[in-house]
C-alpha atoms as a PDB file:
ATOM      1  CA  MET A   1     103.785  76.648  85.630  1.00  0.00           C
ATOM      2  CA  ALA A   2     101.079  79.110  86.673  1.00  0.00           C
ATOM      3  CA  GLU A   3      99.547  81.459  84.140  1.00  0.00           C
ATOM      4  CA  TYR A   4      99.971  85.045  85.299  1.00  0.00           C
ATOM      5  CA  ARG A   5      97.918  88.034  84.228  1.00  0.00           C
ATOM      6  CA  PHE A   6      99.446  91.512  84.444  1.00  0.00           C
ATOM      7  CA  GLU A   7      97.148  94.521  84.618  1.00  0.00           C
ATOM      8  CA  ARG A   8      98.852  97.880  84.173  1.00  0.00           C
ATOM      9  CA  GLU A   9      97.895 100.441  86.829  1.00  0.00           C
ATOM     10  CA  ALA A  10     100.195 103.298  85.864  1.00  0.00           C
ATOM     11  CA  ARG A  11     102.732 104.268  83.242  1.00  0.00           C
ATOM     12  CA  THR A  12     105.200 107.144  82.902  1.00  0.00           C
ATOM     13  CA  PRO A  13     108.008 107.612  80.358  1.00  0.00           C
ATOM     14  CA  PHE A  14     110.405 105.739  82.687  1.00  0.00           C
ATOM     15  CA  SER A  15     108.244 103.467  84.839  1.00  0.00           C
ATOM     16  CA  GLU A  16     105.245 101.141  84.977  1.00  0.00           C
ATOM     17  CA  SER A  17     103.177  99.499  87.721  1.00  0.00           C
ATOM     18  CA  TYR A  18     101.223  96.269  87.358  1.00  0.00           C
ATOM     19  CA  THR A  19      98.969  94.160  89.557  1.00  0.00           C
ATOM     20  CA  ILE A  20      99.628  90.442  89.238  1.00  0.00           C
ATOM     21  CA  GLU A  21      96.862  87.823  89.262  1.00  0.00           C
ATOM     22  CA  ASP A  22      96.663  84.113  88.558  1.00  0.00           C
ATOM     23  CA  GLY A  23      93.071  84.152  87.314  1.00  0.00           C
ATOM     24  CA  GLU A  24      91.548  83.594  90.749  1.00  0.00           C
ATOM     25  CA  HIS A  25      93.655  85.581  93.195  1.00  0.00           C
ATOM     26  CA  SER A  26      95.662  88.755  93.428  1.00  0.00           C
ATOM     27  CA  LEU A  27      99.265  87.649  93.912  1.00  0.00           C
ATOM     28  CA  GLY A  28     100.955  91.027  94.210  1.00  0.00           C
ATOM     29  CA  ARG A  29     102.285  93.911  92.160  1.00  0.00           C
ATOM     30  CA  VAL A  30     105.440  94.927  90.391  1.00  0.00           C
ATOM     31  CA  ASP A  31     106.827  98.433  89.919  1.00  0.00           C
ATOM     32  CA  LEU A  32     109.335  98.785  87.080  1.00  0.00           C
ATOM     33  CA  HIS A  33     111.764 101.669  86.609  1.00  0.00           C
ATOM     34  CA  TYR A  34     113.720 101.914  83.367  1.00  0.00           C
ATOM     35  CA  SER A  35     117.142 103.556  83.184  1.00  0.00           C
ATOM     36  CA  SER A  36     119.434 103.766  80.167  1.00  0.00           C
ATOM     37  CA  SER A  37     120.928 100.293  80.679  1.00  0.00           C
ATOM     38  CA  VAL A  38     119.260  98.652  83.702  1.00  0.00           C
ATOM     39  CA  THR A  39     115.666  97.948  84.645  1.00  0.00           C
ATOM     40  CA  TYR A  40     114.907  98.017  88.366  1.00  0.00           C
ATOM     41  CA  ALA A  41     111.888  96.171  89.729  1.00  0.00           C
ATOM     42  CA  THR A  42     110.228  96.081  93.114  1.00  0.00           C
ATOM     43  CA  LEU A  43     108.177  92.902  93.315  1.00  0.00           C
ATOM     44  CA  ASN A  44     105.634  92.600  96.118  1.00  0.00           C
ATOM     45  CA  VAL A  45     104.191  89.083  96.366  1.00  0.00           C
ATOM     46  CA  HIS A  46     101.718  87.344  98.631  1.00  0.00           C
ATOM     47  CA  HIS A  47     103.375  85.363 101.424  1.00  0.00           C
ATOM     48  CA  SER A  48     101.870  82.098 100.125  1.00  0.00           C
ATOM     49  CA  LEU A  49     103.996  82.064  96.939  1.00  0.00           C
ATOM     50  CA  SER A  50     106.820  79.541  97.003  1.00  0.00           C
ATOM     51  CA  GLU A  51     110.379  80.460  96.059  1.00  0.00           C
ATOM     52  CA  GLU A  52     109.934  78.500  92.823  1.00  0.00           C
ATOM     53  CA  ALA A  53     106.755  80.450  91.985  1.00  0.00           C
ATOM     54  CA  VAL A  54     108.562  83.748  92.649  1.00  0.00           C
ATOM     55  CA  GLN A  55     111.375  82.733  90.274  1.00  0.00           C
ATOM     56  CA  GLU A  56     108.807  81.763  87.600  1.00  0.00           C
ATOM     57  CA  LEU A  57     107.058  85.096  88.110  1.00  0.00           C
ATOM     58  CA  ILE A  58     110.318  87.028  87.681  1.00  0.00           C
ATOM     59  CA  ALA A  59     110.987  85.137  84.436  1.00  0.00           C
ATOM     60  CA  GLU A  60     107.481  86.030  83.183  1.00  0.00           C
ATOM     61  CA  ILE A  61     107.963  89.700  84.102  1.00  0.00           C
ATOM     62  CA  ASP A  62     111.303  89.703  82.284  1.00  0.00           C
ATOM     63  CA  ASP A  63     109.924  87.991  79.162  1.00  0.00           C
ATOM     64  CA  ARG A  64     106.486  89.546  78.845  1.00  0.00           C
ATOM     65  CA  ILE A  65     106.922  93.079  80.199  1.00  0.00           C
ATOM     66  CA  VAL A  66     110.561  94.157  80.457  1.00  0.00           C
ATOM     67  CA  GLY A  67     111.685  92.350  77.299  1.00  0.00           C
ATOM     68  CA  SER A  68     109.018  94.023  75.214  1.00  0.00           C
ATOM     69  CA  ALA A  69     109.506  97.489  76.751  1.00  0.00           C
ATOM     70  CA  ASP A  70     113.312  97.542  76.820  1.00  0.00           C
ATOM     71  CA  PRO A  71     114.829  94.735  74.696  1.00  0.00           C
ATOM     72  CA  TYR A  72     118.349  96.255  74.796  1.00  0.00           C
ATOM     73  CA  ARG A  73     118.746  96.561  78.558  1.00  0.00           C
ATOM     74  CA  GLU A  74     121.853  95.096  80.140  1.00  0.00           C
ATOM     75  CA  ASP A  75     120.382  93.886  83.437  1.00  0.00           C
ATOM     76  CA  LEU A  76     117.217  93.416  85.457  1.00  0.00           C
ATOM     77  CA  ILE A  77     117.570  93.978  89.197  1.00  0.00           C
ATOM     78  CA  VAL A  78     114.617  92.813  91.303  1.00  0.00           C
ATOM     79  CA  THR A  79     113.948  93.594  94.969  1.00  0.00           C
ATOM     80  CA  ILE A  80     111.388  91.152  96.369  1.00  0.00           C
ATOM     81  CA  TRP A  81     109.002  91.778  99.268  1.00  0.00           C
ATOM     82  CA  ARG A  82     106.618  89.165 100.759  1.00  0.00           C
ATOM     83  CA  GLY A  83     103.467  89.912 102.686  1.00  0.00           C
ATOM     84  CA  GLU A  84      99.751  90.261 102.271  1.00  0.00           C
ATOM     85  CA  GLU A  85      97.503  92.971 100.922  1.00  0.00           C
ATOM     86  CA  VAL A  86      95.958  95.010 103.699  1.00  0.00           C
ATOM     87  CA  GLY A  87      93.997  97.391 101.504  1.00  0.00           C
ATOM     88  CA  VAL A  88      94.146 100.288  99.117  1.00  0.00           C
ATOM     89  CA  TRP A  89      94.003 103.892 100.273  1.00  0.00           C
ATOM     90  CA  ALA A  90      93.209 106.883  98.098  1.00  0.00           C
ATOM     91  CA  ALA A  91      92.828 110.532  99.095  1.00  0.00           C
ATOM     92  CA  ASP A  92      89.462 110.777  97.305  1.00  0.00           C
ATOM     93  CA  SER A  93      87.953 107.919  99.333  1.00  0.00           C
ATOM     94  CA  ALA A  94      89.292 109.359 102.609  1.00  0.00           C
ATOM     95  CA  GLU A  95      87.727 112.741 101.810  1.00  0.00           C
ATOM     96  CA  ALA A  96      84.416 111.055 100.937  1.00  0.00           C
ATOM     97  CA  ASP A  97      84.438 109.241 104.297  1.00  0.00           C
ATOM     98  CA  GLU A  98      85.095 112.527 106.126  1.00  0.00           C
ATOM     99  CA  ASP A  99      82.266 114.274 104.214  1.00  0.00           C
ATOM    100  CA  ALA A 100      79.846 111.484 105.127  1.00  0.00           C
ATOM    101  CA  GLU A 101      80.765 111.799 108.803  1.00  0.00           C
ATOM    102  CA  THR A 102      80.323 115.606 108.688  1.00  0.00           C
ATOM    103  CA  ASP A 103      76.952 115.377 106.923  1.00  0.00           C
ATOM    104  CA  GLY A 104      75.654 112.905 109.499  1.00  0.00           C
ATOM    105  CA  ALA A 105      76.613 115.013 112.526  1.00  0.00           C
END
């Protein structure tokens, strides 16, 4: 069984977002949304993860994150997406790129 590391990126009163790593590689991210009785998760994983690895990852998310945040929930519903990371976009970096182009003109 792989050892997963979860790094929280964001947290609100009803949701959390984590990047998922295995120590060497970024494997994906999970976005969790807590309701009164159900926790909903959107799990985005790298296309190289096997079905068995995805099931292990879901169990780890349930035990280590959801179980500690909402131990009385009735269900965990997970939507799974497979793909690869293309990049990260942020408005601040886009504005900095535009400023650099303007200054150089």
